[in-house]
Amino acid sequence: MNSPGLLRLASVRVTYPGGREVLRGVDLALAAGEAVAVVGPSGAGKSTLVLAVLGLLPPGTGVAGDLAWRGEPVHPGPAQRRWLGRGIGTLFQDPLASLDPVVRVGDQLVETLRALHGGGRREAGRRALALLAETRLPDPAAVARRYAHQLSGGERQRVALALALAGDPALLIADEPATALDAGVRAAVTALLGDLVRRRGMSLLMVTHDPVLTAGLADRVLRLEAGRIVEAARCRRRPPRRASPWAPSTPGAAAPTWTTPGARAGARRRSPAAASSCGTPGTAAARASPRSAAPT
């Protein structure tokens, strides 16, 4: 219980140029191997939270609070970007933003692997095909020869996921990873994400506006509203049930116990509205005070 954990944010505030405060004292702790989902409506600050962790906020943005990686304090700025690729893999909503349109996707993977691990093109090519196979693309060699525009949306997101895994990261950060996909593909990609996190023993920090996508995927779900974490729920991850690895499915889920951060001990409750989705808070959920946002 004395482990410093993998990632910790304490009282993090982010103010964009012009004075708009987007994060207002966010506390978040992520243990090794833990999956945490942050849900909330558009404008709540979810993507800003991701950019703050990655050190990718626009120039001139004000950042206050404490950030630690594996127990070591990290100051906002270029030092954070050393995590990218090796310590942290990223998966964003639009895979085209992660893929070069004029380079075959296999070559992009090869160059990424060589930059992260060194070695020759032959070995990197072998590892690239293995990563594409791990993301359940049915013909990795054929996919590797294509350009991004020649792939479907689901295929592009799987390639982007392979790129995120190239550095064998301890933490995968997924920002709305399936929102832009069709319903069936969305369920399959979400199930794949859960499988990879469990099998690799990675930690996961996922942000989404759709709490249904967190079902069975997260150990904890935090609700972010207006830049503050206002609710927390503990969940149970379950392996997805599929007839085959290609069949779309939504991971199983357990009913959560939603709590208001800062509430008195023992003041936990079951959320009837969340019985089939661990990430769906109750409609009459209490709200936390602005300065009591630490998850329980």
C-alpha atoms as a PDB file:
ATOM      1  CA  MET A   1       0.000   0.000   0.000  1.00  0.00           C
ATOM      2  CA  ASN A   2       3.057   2.266   0.204  1.00  0.00           C
ATOM      3  CA  SER A   3       3.646   2.167  -3.551  1.00  0.00           C
ATOM      4  CA  PRO A   4       3.849   5.638  -5.066  1.00  0.00           C
ATOM      5  CA  GLY A   5       1.665   4.489  -7.958  1.00  0.00           C
ATOM      6  CA  LEU A   6       2.187   5.114 -11.651  1.00  0.00           C
ATOM      7  CA  LEU A   7       0.630   8.547 -12.205  1.00  0.00           C
ATOM      8  CA  ARG A   8      -0.615  11.116  -9.729  1.00  0.00           C
ATOM      9  CA  LEU A   9      -2.150  14.544 -10.210  1.00  0.00           C
ATOM     10  CA  ALA A  10      -2.815  16.788  -7.218  1.00  0.00           C
ATOM     11  CA  SER A  11      -4.841  20.014  -7.386  1.00  0.00           C
ATOM     12  CA  VAL A  12      -4.044  20.477 -11.079  1.00  0.00           C
ATOM     13  CA  ARG A  13      -5.410  23.681 -12.601  1.00  0.00           C
ATOM     14  CA  VAL A  14      -5.163  24.668 -16.252  1.00  0.00           C
ATOM     15  CA  THR A  15      -5.895  28.173 -17.528  1.00  0.00           C
ATOM     16  CA  TYR A  16      -5.769  28.914 -21.238  1.00  0.00           C
ATOM     17  CA  PRO A  17      -4.504  32.232 -22.622  1.00  0.00           C
ATOM     18  CA  GLY A  18      -7.231  34.803 -22.123  1.00  0.00           C
ATOM     19  CA  GLY A  19      -7.967  33.634 -18.579  1.00  0.00           C
ATOM     20  CA  ARG A  20     -10.381  30.716 -19.187  1.00  0.00           C
ATOM     21  CA  GLU A  21      -9.828  28.133 -16.435  1.00  0.00           C
ATOM     22  CA  VAL A  22     -10.605  24.663 -17.775  1.00  0.00           C
ATOM     23  CA  LEU A  23      -9.321  22.395 -14.983  1.00  0.00           C
ATOM     24  CA  ARG A  24     -10.114  23.561 -11.467  1.00  0.00           C
ATOM     25  CA  GLY A  25      -8.175  21.484  -8.994  1.00  0.00           C
ATOM     26  CA  VAL A  26      -8.177  17.930 -10.357  1.00  0.00           C
ATOM     27  CA  ASP A  27      -6.857  15.082  -8.185  1.00  0.00           C
ATOM     28  CA  LEU A  28      -6.234  11.736  -9.870  1.00  0.00           C
ATOM     29  CA  ALA A  29      -4.166   8.709  -8.879  1.00  0.00           C
ATOM     30  CA  LEU A  30      -3.515   5.749 -11.158  1.00  0.00           C
ATOM     31  CA  ALA A  31      -1.869   2.566  -9.928  1.00  0.00           C
ATOM     32  CA  ALA A  32       0.183   0.178 -12.033  1.00  0.00           C
ATOM     33  CA  GLY A  33      -2.157  -2.151 -13.931  1.00  0.00           C
ATOM     34  CA  GLU A  34      -5.250  -0.092 -13.066  1.00  0.00           C
ATOM     35  CA  ALA A  35      -7.805   1.090 -15.627  1.00  0.00           C
ATOM     36  CA  VAL A  36      -9.475   4.431 -14.915  1.00  0.00           C
ATOM     37  CA  ALA A  37     -12.091   6.100 -17.104  1.00  0.00           C
ATOM     38  CA  VAL A  38     -12.951   9.801 -16.950  1.00  0.00           C
ATOM     39  CA  VAL A  39     -16.423  10.575 -18.264  1.00  0.00           C
ATOM     40  CA  GLY A  40     -18.182  13.866 -18.748  1.00  0.00           C
ATOM     41  CA  PRO A  41     -19.948  16.090 -21.266  1.00  0.00           C
ATOM     42  CA  SER A  42     -18.253  18.092 -23.988  1.00  0.00           C
ATOM     43  CA  GLY A  43     -16.421  21.058 -22.514  1.00  0.00           C
ATOM     44  CA  ALA A  44     -15.866  19.387 -19.146  1.00  0.00           C
ATOM     45  CA  GLY A  45     -12.074  19.458 -19.596  1.00  0.00           C
ATOM     46  CA  LYS A  46     -11.421  15.815 -20.493  1.00  0.00           C
ATOM     47  CA  SER A  47      -9.090  16.445 -23.426  1.00  0.00           C
ATOM     48  CA  THR A  48      -7.353  19.240 -21.533  1.00  0.00           C
ATOM     49  CA  LEU A  49      -6.658  16.726 -18.760  1.00  0.00           C
ATOM     50  CA  VAL A  50      -4.979  14.416 -21.285  1.00  0.00           C
ATOM     51  CA  LEU A  51      -2.910  17.239 -22.789  1.00  0.00           C
ATOM     52  CA  ALA A  52      -1.856  18.365 -19.305  1.00  0.00           C
ATOM     53  CA  VAL A  53      -0.595  14.867 -18.476  1.00  0.00           C
ATOM     54  CA  LEU A  54       1.291  14.649 -21.768  1.00  0.00           C
ATOM     55  CA  GLY A  55       2.778  18.152 -21.625  1.00  0.00           C
ATOM     56  CA  LEU A  56       1.129  19.089 -24.930  1.00  0.00           C
ATOM     57  CA  LEU A  57      -0.856  22.150 -23.864  1.00  0.00           C
ATOM     58  CA  PRO A  58      -0.568  25.216 -26.136  1.00  0.00           C
ATOM     59  CA  PRO A  59       2.155  27.766 -25.398  1.00  0.00           C
ATOM     60  CA  GLY A  60       1.097  30.375 -22.879  1.00  0.00           C
ATOM     61  CA  THR A  61      -1.212  28.007 -20.997  1.00  0.00           C
ATOM     62  CA  GLY A  62      -1.005  28.300 -17.220  1.00  0.00           C
ATOM     63  CA  VAL A  63      -0.577  25.040 -15.285  1.00  0.00           C
ATOM     64  CA  ALA A  64      -0.611  24.801 -11.492  1.00  0.00           C
ATOM     65  CA  GLY A  65      -0.581  21.835  -9.104  1.00  0.00           C
ATOM     66  CA  ASP A  66       1.569  18.739  -8.738  1.00  0.00           C
ATOM     67  CA  LEU A  67       2.235  15.946 -11.208  1.00  0.00           C
ATOM     68  CA  ALA A  68       4.223  12.786 -10.464  1.00  0.00           C
ATOM     69  CA  TRP A  69       5.254   9.848 -12.657  1.00  0.00           C
ATOM     70  CA  ARG A  70       6.250   6.683 -10.767  1.00  0.00           C
ATOM     71  CA  GLY A  71       6.636   8.717  -7.624  1.00  0.00           C
ATOM     72  CA  GLU A  72       8.978  11.305  -9.145  1.00  0.00           C
ATOM     73  CA  PRO A  73       7.756  14.923  -9.409  1.00  0.00           C
ATOM     74  CA  VAL A  74       7.543  16.211 -12.972  1.00  0.00           C
ATOM     75  CA  HIS A  75       7.461  19.880 -13.857  1.00  0.00           C
ATOM     76  CA  PRO A  76       5.123  20.882 -16.679  1.00  0.00           C
ATOM     77  CA  GLY A  77       6.917  21.338 -19.968  1.00  0.00           C
ATOM     78  CA  PRO A  78       9.318  19.476 -22.268  1.00  0.00           C
ATOM     79  CA  ALA A  79      10.343  16.974 -19.573  1.00  0.00           C
ATOM     80  CA  GLN A  80       6.890  15.394 -19.765  1.00  0.00           C
ATOM     81  CA  ARG A  81       7.307  14.584 -23.423  1.00  0.00           C
ATOM     82  CA  ARG A  82      10.055  12.101 -22.605  1.00  0.00           C
ATOM     83  CA  TRP A  83       7.266   9.811 -21.418  1.00  0.00           C
ATOM     84  CA  LEU A  84       5.694   9.664 -24.856  1.00  0.00           C
ATOM     85  CA  GLY A  85       6.222   6.439 -26.763  1.00  0.00           C
ATOM     86  CA  ARG A  86       8.152   4.576 -24.066  1.00  0.00           C
ATOM     87  CA  GLY A  87       6.364   5.227 -20.782  1.00  0.00           C
ATOM     88  CA  ILE A  88       3.035   6.347 -22.224  1.00  0.00           C
ATOM     89  CA  GLY A  89       1.229   5.390 -25.418  1.00  0.00           C
ATOM     90  CA  THR A  90      -1.548   7.589 -26.790  1.00  0.00           C
ATOM     91  CA  LEU A  91      -4.673   6.808 -28.787  1.00  0.00           C
ATOM     92  CA  PHE A  92      -6.775   9.732 -29.972  1.00  0.00           C
ATOM     93  CA  GLN A  93     -10.227  10.061 -31.481  1.00  0.00           C
ATOM     94  CA  ASP A  94      -9.057  10.749 -35.040  1.00  0.00           C
ATOM     95  CA  PRO A  95      -6.477   8.178 -36.172  1.00  0.00           C
ATOM     96  CA  LEU A  96      -5.696  10.246 -39.269  1.00  0.00           C
ATOM     97  CA  ALA A  97      -4.068  12.778 -36.955  1.00  0.00           C
ATOM     98  CA  SER A  98      -1.605  10.050 -35.908  1.00  0.00           C
ATOM     99  CA  LEU A  99      -0.896   8.691 -39.390  1.00  0.00           C
ATOM    100  CA  ASP A 100       1.196  10.204 -42.188  1.00  0.00           C
ATOM    101  CA  PRO A 101      -0.950  10.257 -45.348  1.00  0.00           C
ATOM    102  CA  VAL A 102       2.010   9.856 -47.737  1.00  0.00           C
ATOM    103  CA  VAL A 103       3.819   6.988 -45.967  1.00  0.00           C
ATOM    104  CA  ARG A 104       2.612   3.393 -45.946  1.00  0.00           C
ATOM    105  CA  VAL A 105       1.391   2.425 -42.484  1.00  0.00           C
ATOM    106  CA  GLY A 106       3.891  -0.425 -42.250  1.00  0.00           C
ATOM    107  CA  ASP A 107       6.788   1.960 -42.855  1.00  0.00           C
ATOM    108  CA  GLN A 108       5.425   4.289 -40.171  1.00  0.00           C
ATOM    109  CA  LEU A 109       5.427   1.442 -37.683  1.00  0.00           C
ATOM    110  CA  VAL A 110       8.929   0.358 -38.703  1.00  0.00           C
ATOM    111  CA  GLU A 111      10.388   3.842 -38.246  1.00  0.00           C
ATOM    112  CA  THR A 112       8.614   4.240 -34.902  1.00  0.00           C
ATOM    113  CA  LEU A 113       9.962   0.913 -33.652  1.00  0.00           C
ATOM    114  CA  ARG A 114      13.499   1.743 -34.780  1.00  0.00           C
ATOM    115  CA  ALA A 115      13.342   5.151 -33.090  1.00  0.00           C
ATOM    116  CA  LEU A 116      12.180   3.577 -29.830  1.00  0.00           C
ATOM    117  CA  HIS A 117      14.187   0.343 -29.784  1.00  0.00           C
ATOM    118  CA  GLY A 118      16.938   0.678 -32.366  1.00  0.00           C
ATOM    119  CA  GLY A 119      17.877  -2.287 -34.555  1.00  0.00           C
ATOM    120  CA  GLY A 120      17.562  -2.944 -38.254  1.00  0.00           C
ATOM    121  CA  ARG A 121      14.613  -2.679 -40.635  1.00  0.00           C
ATOM    122  CA  ARG A 122      14.150  -6.446 -40.915  1.00  0.00           C
ATOM    123  CA  GLU A 123      13.617  -6.928 -37.175  1.00  0.00           C
ATOM    124  CA  ALA A 124      11.461  -3.795 -36.970  1.00  0.00           C
ATOM    125  CA  GLY A 125       9.388  -5.063 -39.891  1.00  0.00           C
ATOM    126  CA  ARG A 126       8.788  -8.359 -38.108  1.00  0.00           C
ATOM    127  CA  ARG A 127       7.704  -6.535 -34.954  1.00  0.00           C
ATOM    128  CA  ALA A 128       5.470  -4.212 -36.973  1.00  0.00           C
ATOM    129  CA  LEU A 129       3.560  -7.160 -38.434  1.00  0.00           C
ATOM    130  CA  ALA A 130       3.252  -8.687 -34.969  1.00  0.00           C
ATOM    131  CA  LEU A 131       1.749  -5.448 -33.618  1.00  0.00           C
ATOM    132  CA  LEU A 132      -0.755  -5.270 -36.477  1.00  0.00           C
ATOM    133  CA  ALA A 133      -1.725  -8.885 -35.808  1.00  0.00           C
ATOM    134  CA  GLU A 134      -2.085  -8.109 -32.091  1.00  0.00           C
ATOM    135  CA  THR A 135      -4.686  -5.460 -32.935  1.00  0.00           C
ATOM    136  CA  ARG A 136      -6.642  -8.164 -34.814  1.00  0.00           C
ATOM    137  CA  LEU A 137      -6.216  -6.870 -38.324  1.00  0.00           C
ATOM    138  CA  PRO A 138      -6.999  -9.945 -40.451  1.00  0.00           C
ATOM    139  CA  ASP A 139      -4.158  -9.500 -43.005  1.00  0.00           C
ATOM    140  CA  PRO A 140      -1.309  -7.563 -41.373  1.00  0.00           C
ATOM    141  CA  ALA A 141       1.004  -7.795 -44.400  1.00  0.00           C
ATOM    142  CA  ALA A 142      -1.643  -6.341 -46.724  1.00  0.00           C
ATOM    143  CA  VAL A 143      -2.505  -3.574 -44.270  1.00  0.00           C
ATOM    144  CA  ALA A 144       1.186  -2.683 -43.878  1.00  0.00           C
ATOM    145  CA  ARG A 145       1.422  -1.972 -47.625  1.00  0.00           C
ATOM    146  CA  ARG A 146      -1.489   0.485 -47.613  1.00  0.00           C
ATOM    147  CA  TYR A 147      -1.754   4.191 -46.979  1.00  0.00           C
ATOM    148  CA  ALA A 148      -4.058   5.569 -44.298  1.00  0.00           C
ATOM    149  CA  HIS A 149      -6.713   6.705 -46.790  1.00  0.00           C
ATOM    150  CA  GLN A 150      -6.983   3.157 -48.114  1.00  0.00           C
ATOM    151  CA  LEU A 151      -8.140   1.832 -44.750  1.00  0.00           C
ATOM    152  CA  SER A 152     -11.536   1.904 -43.074  1.00  0.00           C
ATOM    153  CA  GLY A 153     -12.051   3.931 -39.907  1.00  0.00           C
ATOM    154  CA  GLY A 154     -11.811   0.844 -37.720  1.00  0.00           C
ATOM    155  CA  GLU A 155      -8.650  -0.333 -39.485  1.00  0.00           C
ATOM    156  CA  ARG A 156      -7.037   3.086 -39.084  1.00  0.00           C
ATOM    157  CA  GLN A 157      -7.811   3.111 -35.361  1.00  0.00           C
ATOM    158  CA  ARG A 158      -6.257  -0.346 -34.976  1.00  0.00           C
ATOM    159  CA  VAL A 159      -3.116   0.844 -36.782  1.00  0.00           C
ATOM    160  CA  ALA A 160      -2.999   3.878 -34.477  1.00  0.00           C
ATOM    161  CA  LEU A 161      -3.320   1.485 -31.538  1.00  0.00           C
ATOM    162  CA  ALA A 162      -0.396  -0.570 -32.879  1.00  0.00           C
ATOM    163  CA  LEU A 163       1.670   2.638 -33.005  1.00  0.00           C
ATOM    164  CA  ALA A 164       0.669   3.429 -29.411  1.00  0.00           C
ATOM    165  CA  LEU A 165       1.882  -0.023 -28.318  1.00  0.00           C
ATOM    166  CA  ALA A 166       5.194   0.170 -30.186  1.00  0.00           C
ATOM    167  CA  GLY A 167       7.097   1.390 -27.123  1.00  0.00           C
ATOM    168  CA  ASP A 168       5.639  -1.255 -24.774  1.00  0.00           C
ATOM    169  CA  PRO A 169       4.144   1.516 -22.612  1.00  0.00           C
ATOM    170  CA  ALA A 170       3.265   1.144 -18.956  1.00  0.00           C
ATOM    171  CA  LEU A 171       0.272   3.447 -19.485  1.00  0.00           C
ATOM    172  CA  LEU A 172      -2.076   3.806 -22.425  1.00  0.00           C
ATOM    173  CA  ILE A 173      -4.012   7.068 -22.625  1.00  0.00           C
ATOM    174  CA  ALA A 174      -7.092   6.859 -24.858  1.00  0.00           C
ATOM    175  CA  ASP A 175      -8.974  10.078 -25.659  1.00  0.00           C
ATOM    176  CA  GLU A 176     -12.421   9.254 -27.108  1.00  0.00           C
ATOM    177  CA  PRO A 177     -10.868   6.242 -28.911  1.00  0.00           C
ATOM    178  CA  ALA A 178     -14.078   4.873 -30.445  1.00  0.00           C
ATOM    179  CA  THR A 179     -16.420   7.859 -30.635  1.00  0.00           C
ATOM    180  CA  ALA A 180     -16.025   8.428 -34.377  1.00  0.00           C
ATOM    181  CA  LEU A 181     -16.658   4.771 -35.295  1.00  0.00           C
ATOM    182  CA  ASP A 182     -19.863   2.968 -36.237  1.00  0.00           C
ATOM    183  CA  ALA A 183     -21.640   1.187 -33.397  1.00  0.00           C
ATOM    184  CA  GLY A 184     -20.487  -2.346 -34.241  1.00  0.00           C
ATOM    185  CA  VAL A 185     -16.901  -1.269 -34.887  1.00  0.00           C
ATOM    186  CA  ARG A 186     -16.967   0.861 -31.724  1.00  0.00           C
ATOM    187  CA  ALA A 187     -17.883  -2.169 -29.608  1.00  0.00           C
ATOM    188  CA  ALA A 188     -15.194  -4.326 -31.231  1.00  0.00           C
ATOM    189  CA  VAL A 189     -12.464  -1.698 -30.765  1.00  0.00           C
ATOM    190  CA  THR A 190     -13.493  -1.153 -27.143  1.00  0.00           C
ATOM    191  CA  ALA A 191     -13.389  -4.902 -26.464  1.00  0.00           C
ATOM    192  CA  LEU A 192      -9.980  -5.097 -28.159  1.00  0.00           C
ATOM    193  CA  LEU A 193      -8.710  -2.239 -26.006  1.00  0.00           C
ATOM    194  CA  GLY A 194      -9.819  -4.036 -22.849  1.00  0.00           C
ATOM    195  CA  ASP A 195      -8.192  -7.289 -23.958  1.00  0.00           C
ATOM    196  CA  LEU A 196      -4.863  -5.614 -24.738  1.00  0.00           C
ATOM    197  CA  VAL A 197      -4.774  -3.744 -21.430  1.00  0.00           C
ATOM    198  CA  ARG A 198      -5.445  -6.936 -19.472  1.00  0.00           C
ATOM    199  CA  ARG A 199      -3.064  -9.137 -21.444  1.00  0.00           C
ATOM    200  CA  ARG A 200      -0.176  -6.649 -21.415  1.00  0.00           C
ATOM    201  CA  GLY A 201      -0.724  -5.618 -17.796  1.00  0.00           C
ATOM    202  CA  MET A 202      -0.821  -1.944 -18.779  1.00  0.00           C
ATOM    203  CA  SER A 203      -2.535   0.849 -16.962  1.00  0.00           C
ATOM    204  CA  LEU A 204      -5.287   2.664 -18.863  1.00  0.00           C
ATOM    205  CA  LEU A 205      -6.530   6.231 -18.622  1.00  0.00           C
ATOM    206  CA  MET A 206      -9.512   6.641 -20.929  1.00  0.00           C
ATOM    207  CA  VAL A 207     -11.593   9.760 -21.374  1.00  0.00           C
ATOM    208  CA  THR A 208     -14.991   9.693 -23.077  1.00  0.00           C
ATOM    209  CA  HIS A 209     -18.327  11.462 -23.122  1.00  0.00           C
ATOM    210  CA  ASP A 210     -20.076   8.074 -23.509  1.00  0.00           C
ATOM    211  CA  PRO A 211     -20.138   6.177 -20.181  1.00  0.00           C
ATOM    212  CA  VAL A 212     -21.436   3.019 -21.893  1.00  0.00           C
ATOM    213  CA  LEU A 213     -17.971   2.541 -23.415  1.00  0.00           C
ATOM    214  CA  THR A 214     -16.493   2.151 -19.935  1.00  0.00           C
ATOM    215  CA  ALA A 215     -18.622  -0.905 -19.132  1.00  0.00           C
ATOM    216  CA  GLY A 216     -16.412  -3.754 -17.965  1.00  0.00           C
ATOM    217  CA  LEU A 217     -13.317  -1.849 -19.079  1.00  0.00           C
ATOM    218  CA  ALA A 218     -12.480   0.275 -16.029  1.00  0.00           C
ATOM    219  CA  ASP A 219     -11.658  -0.445 -12.387  1.00  0.00           C
ATOM    220  CA  ARG A 220     -12.758   3.086 -11.512  1.00  0.00           C
ATOM    221  CA  VAL A 221     -14.877   5.677 -13.284  1.00  0.00           C
ATOM    222  CA  LEU A 222     -14.565   9.381 -12.468  1.00  0.00           C
ATOM    223  CA  ARG A 223     -17.078  11.979 -13.588  1.00  0.00           C
ATOM    224  CA  LEU A 224     -15.630  15.321 -14.671  1.00  0.00           C
ATOM    225  CA  GLU A 225     -17.863  18.369 -14.906  1.00  0.00           C
ATOM    226  CA  ALA A 226     -16.801  21.985 -15.417  1.00  0.00           C
ATOM    227  CA  GLY A 227     -13.173  21.102 -14.714  1.00  0.00           C
ATOM    228  CA  ARG A 228     -13.804  19.250 -11.432  1.00  0.00           C
ATOM    229  CA  ILE A 229     -14.140  15.574 -10.550  1.00  0.00           C
ATOM    230  CA  VAL A 230     -17.565  15.396  -8.950  1.00  0.00           C
ATOM    231  CA  GLU A 231     -18.235  11.639  -8.640  1.00  0.00           C
ATOM    232  CA  ALA A 232     -16.329   8.384  -8.464  1.00  0.00           C
ATOM    233  CA  ALA A 233     -17.365   4.758  -8.923  1.00  0.00           C
ATOM    234  CA  ARG A 234     -15.551   1.486  -8.382  1.00  0.00           C
ATOM    235  CA  CYS A 235     -16.224  -1.242 -10.918  1.00  0.00           C
ATOM    236  CA  ARG A 236     -15.226  -4.788 -11.761  1.00  0.00           C
ATOM    237  CA  ARG A 237     -13.551  -5.554 -15.042  1.00  0.00           C
ATOM    238  CA  ARG A 238     -14.734  -8.711 -16.770  1.00  0.00           C
ATOM    239  CA  PRO A 239     -13.293 -10.410 -19.848  1.00  0.00           C
ATOM    240  CA  PRO A 240     -15.480  -9.930 -22.934  1.00  0.00           C
ATOM    241  CA  ARG A 241     -17.529 -12.904 -24.060  1.00  0.00           C
ATOM    242  CA  ARG A 242     -17.151 -13.489 -27.799  1.00  0.00           C
ATOM    243  CA  ALA A 243     -17.716 -16.441 -30.046  1.00  0.00           C
ATOM    244  CA  SER A 244     -14.597 -15.440 -32.012  1.00  0.00           C
ATOM    245  CA  PRO A 245     -11.931 -12.743 -31.741  1.00  0.00           C
ATOM    246  CA  TRP A 246     -13.544 -10.920 -34.696  1.00  0.00           C
ATOM    247  CA  ALA A 247     -17.081 -10.722 -33.284  1.00  0.00           C
ATOM    248  CA  PRO A 248     -18.051  -7.257 -32.030  1.00  0.00           C
ATOM    249  CA  SER A 249     -19.055  -7.184 -28.404  1.00  0.00           C
ATOM    250  CA  THR A 250     -19.290  -4.872 -25.430  1.00  0.00           C
ATOM    251  CA  PRO A 251     -17.333  -6.008 -22.361  1.00  0.00           C
ATOM    252  CA  GLY A 252     -19.394  -7.241 -19.429  1.00  0.00           C
ATOM    253  CA  ALA A 253     -19.964  -4.892 -16.515  1.00  0.00           C
ATOM    254  CA  ALA A 254     -20.867  -4.831 -12.873  1.00  0.00           C
ATOM    255  CA  ALA A 255     -23.109  -2.283 -11.178  1.00  0.00           C
ATOM    256  CA  PRO A 256     -20.952   0.470  -9.686  1.00  0.00           C
ATOM    257  CA  THR A 257     -20.927   2.084  -6.315  1.00  0.00           C
ATOM    258  CA  TRP A 258     -20.981   5.826  -7.013  1.00  0.00           C
ATOM    259  CA  THR A 259     -19.591   8.123  -4.349  1.00  0.00           C
ATOM    260  CA  THR A 260     -19.278  11.849  -4.083  1.00  0.00           C
ATOM    261  CA  PRO A 261     -15.619  12.723  -3.468  1.00  0.00           C
ATOM    262  CA  GLY A 262     -15.198  14.167   0.007  1.00  0.00           C
ATOM    263  CA  ALA A 263     -18.362  12.527   1.367  1.00  0.00           C
ATOM    264  CA  ARG A 264     -18.372  11.028   4.844  1.00  0.00           C
ATOM    265  CA  ALA A 265     -17.035   7.485   5.276  1.00  0.00           C
ATOM    266  CA  GLY A 266     -19.561   4.805   4.446  1.00  0.00           C
ATOM    267  CA  ALA A 267     -21.766   7.142   2.411  1.00  0.00           C
ATOM    268  CA  ARG A 268     -21.767   4.900  -0.643  1.00  0.00           C
ATOM    269  CA  ARG A 269     -24.728   3.994  -2.768  1.00  0.00           C
ATOM    270  CA  ARG A 270     -25.746   1.794  -5.652  1.00  0.00           C
ATOM    271  CA  SER A 271     -26.785   3.570  -8.811  1.00  0.00           C
ATOM    272  CA  PRO A 272     -29.867   1.865 -10.331  1.00  0.00           C
ATOM    273  CA  ALA A 273     -29.296   3.722 -13.592  1.00  0.00           C
ATOM    274  CA  ALA A 274     -25.869   2.116 -13.850  1.00  0.00           C
ATOM    275  CA  ALA A 275     -26.932  -1.496 -13.391  1.00  0.00           C
ATOM    276  CA  SER A 276     -25.973  -2.400 -16.965  1.00  0.00           C
ATOM    277  CA  SER A 277     -23.143   0.090 -17.455  1.00  0.00           C
ATOM    278  CA  CYS A 278     -20.449   0.719 -14.894  1.00  0.00           C
ATOM    279  CA  GLY A 279     -19.863   4.182 -16.255  1.00  0.00           C
ATOM    280  CA  THR A 280     -23.409   5.575 -16.034  1.00  0.00           C
ATOM    281  CA  PRO A 281     -23.998   7.698 -12.950  1.00  0.00           C
ATOM    282  CA  GLY A 282     -27.361   7.943 -11.234  1.00  0.00           C
ATOM    283  CA  THR A 283     -29.618  10.783 -12.268  1.00  0.00           C
ATOM    284  CA  ALA A 284     -29.926  12.106  -8.738  1.00  0.00           C
ATOM    285  CA  ALA A 285     -26.212  11.945  -7.988  1.00  0.00           C
ATOM    286  CA  ALA A 286     -24.887  14.344  -5.420  1.00  0.00           C
ATOM    287  CA  ARG A 287     -22.208  16.796  -6.479  1.00  0.00           C
ATOM    288  CA  ALA A 288     -18.872  17.398  -4.825  1.00  0.00           C
ATOM    289  CA  SER A 289     -17.789  20.724  -3.448  1.00  0.00           C
ATOM    290  CA  PRO A 290     -15.218  22.530  -5.642  1.00  0.00           C
ATOM    291  CA  ARG A 291     -12.292  21.660  -3.369  1.00  0.00           C
ATOM    292  CA  SER A 292     -13.130  18.057  -2.491  1.00  0.00           C
ATOM    293  CA  ALA A 293     -12.370  16.270  -5.704  1.00  0.00           C
ATOM    294  CA  ALA A 294     -10.134  13.374  -4.604  1.00  0.00           C
ATOM    295  CA  PRO A 295     -11.534   9.986  -5.736  1.00  0.00           C
ATOM    296  CA  THR A 296     -12.217   7.443  -3.021  1.00  0.00           C
END
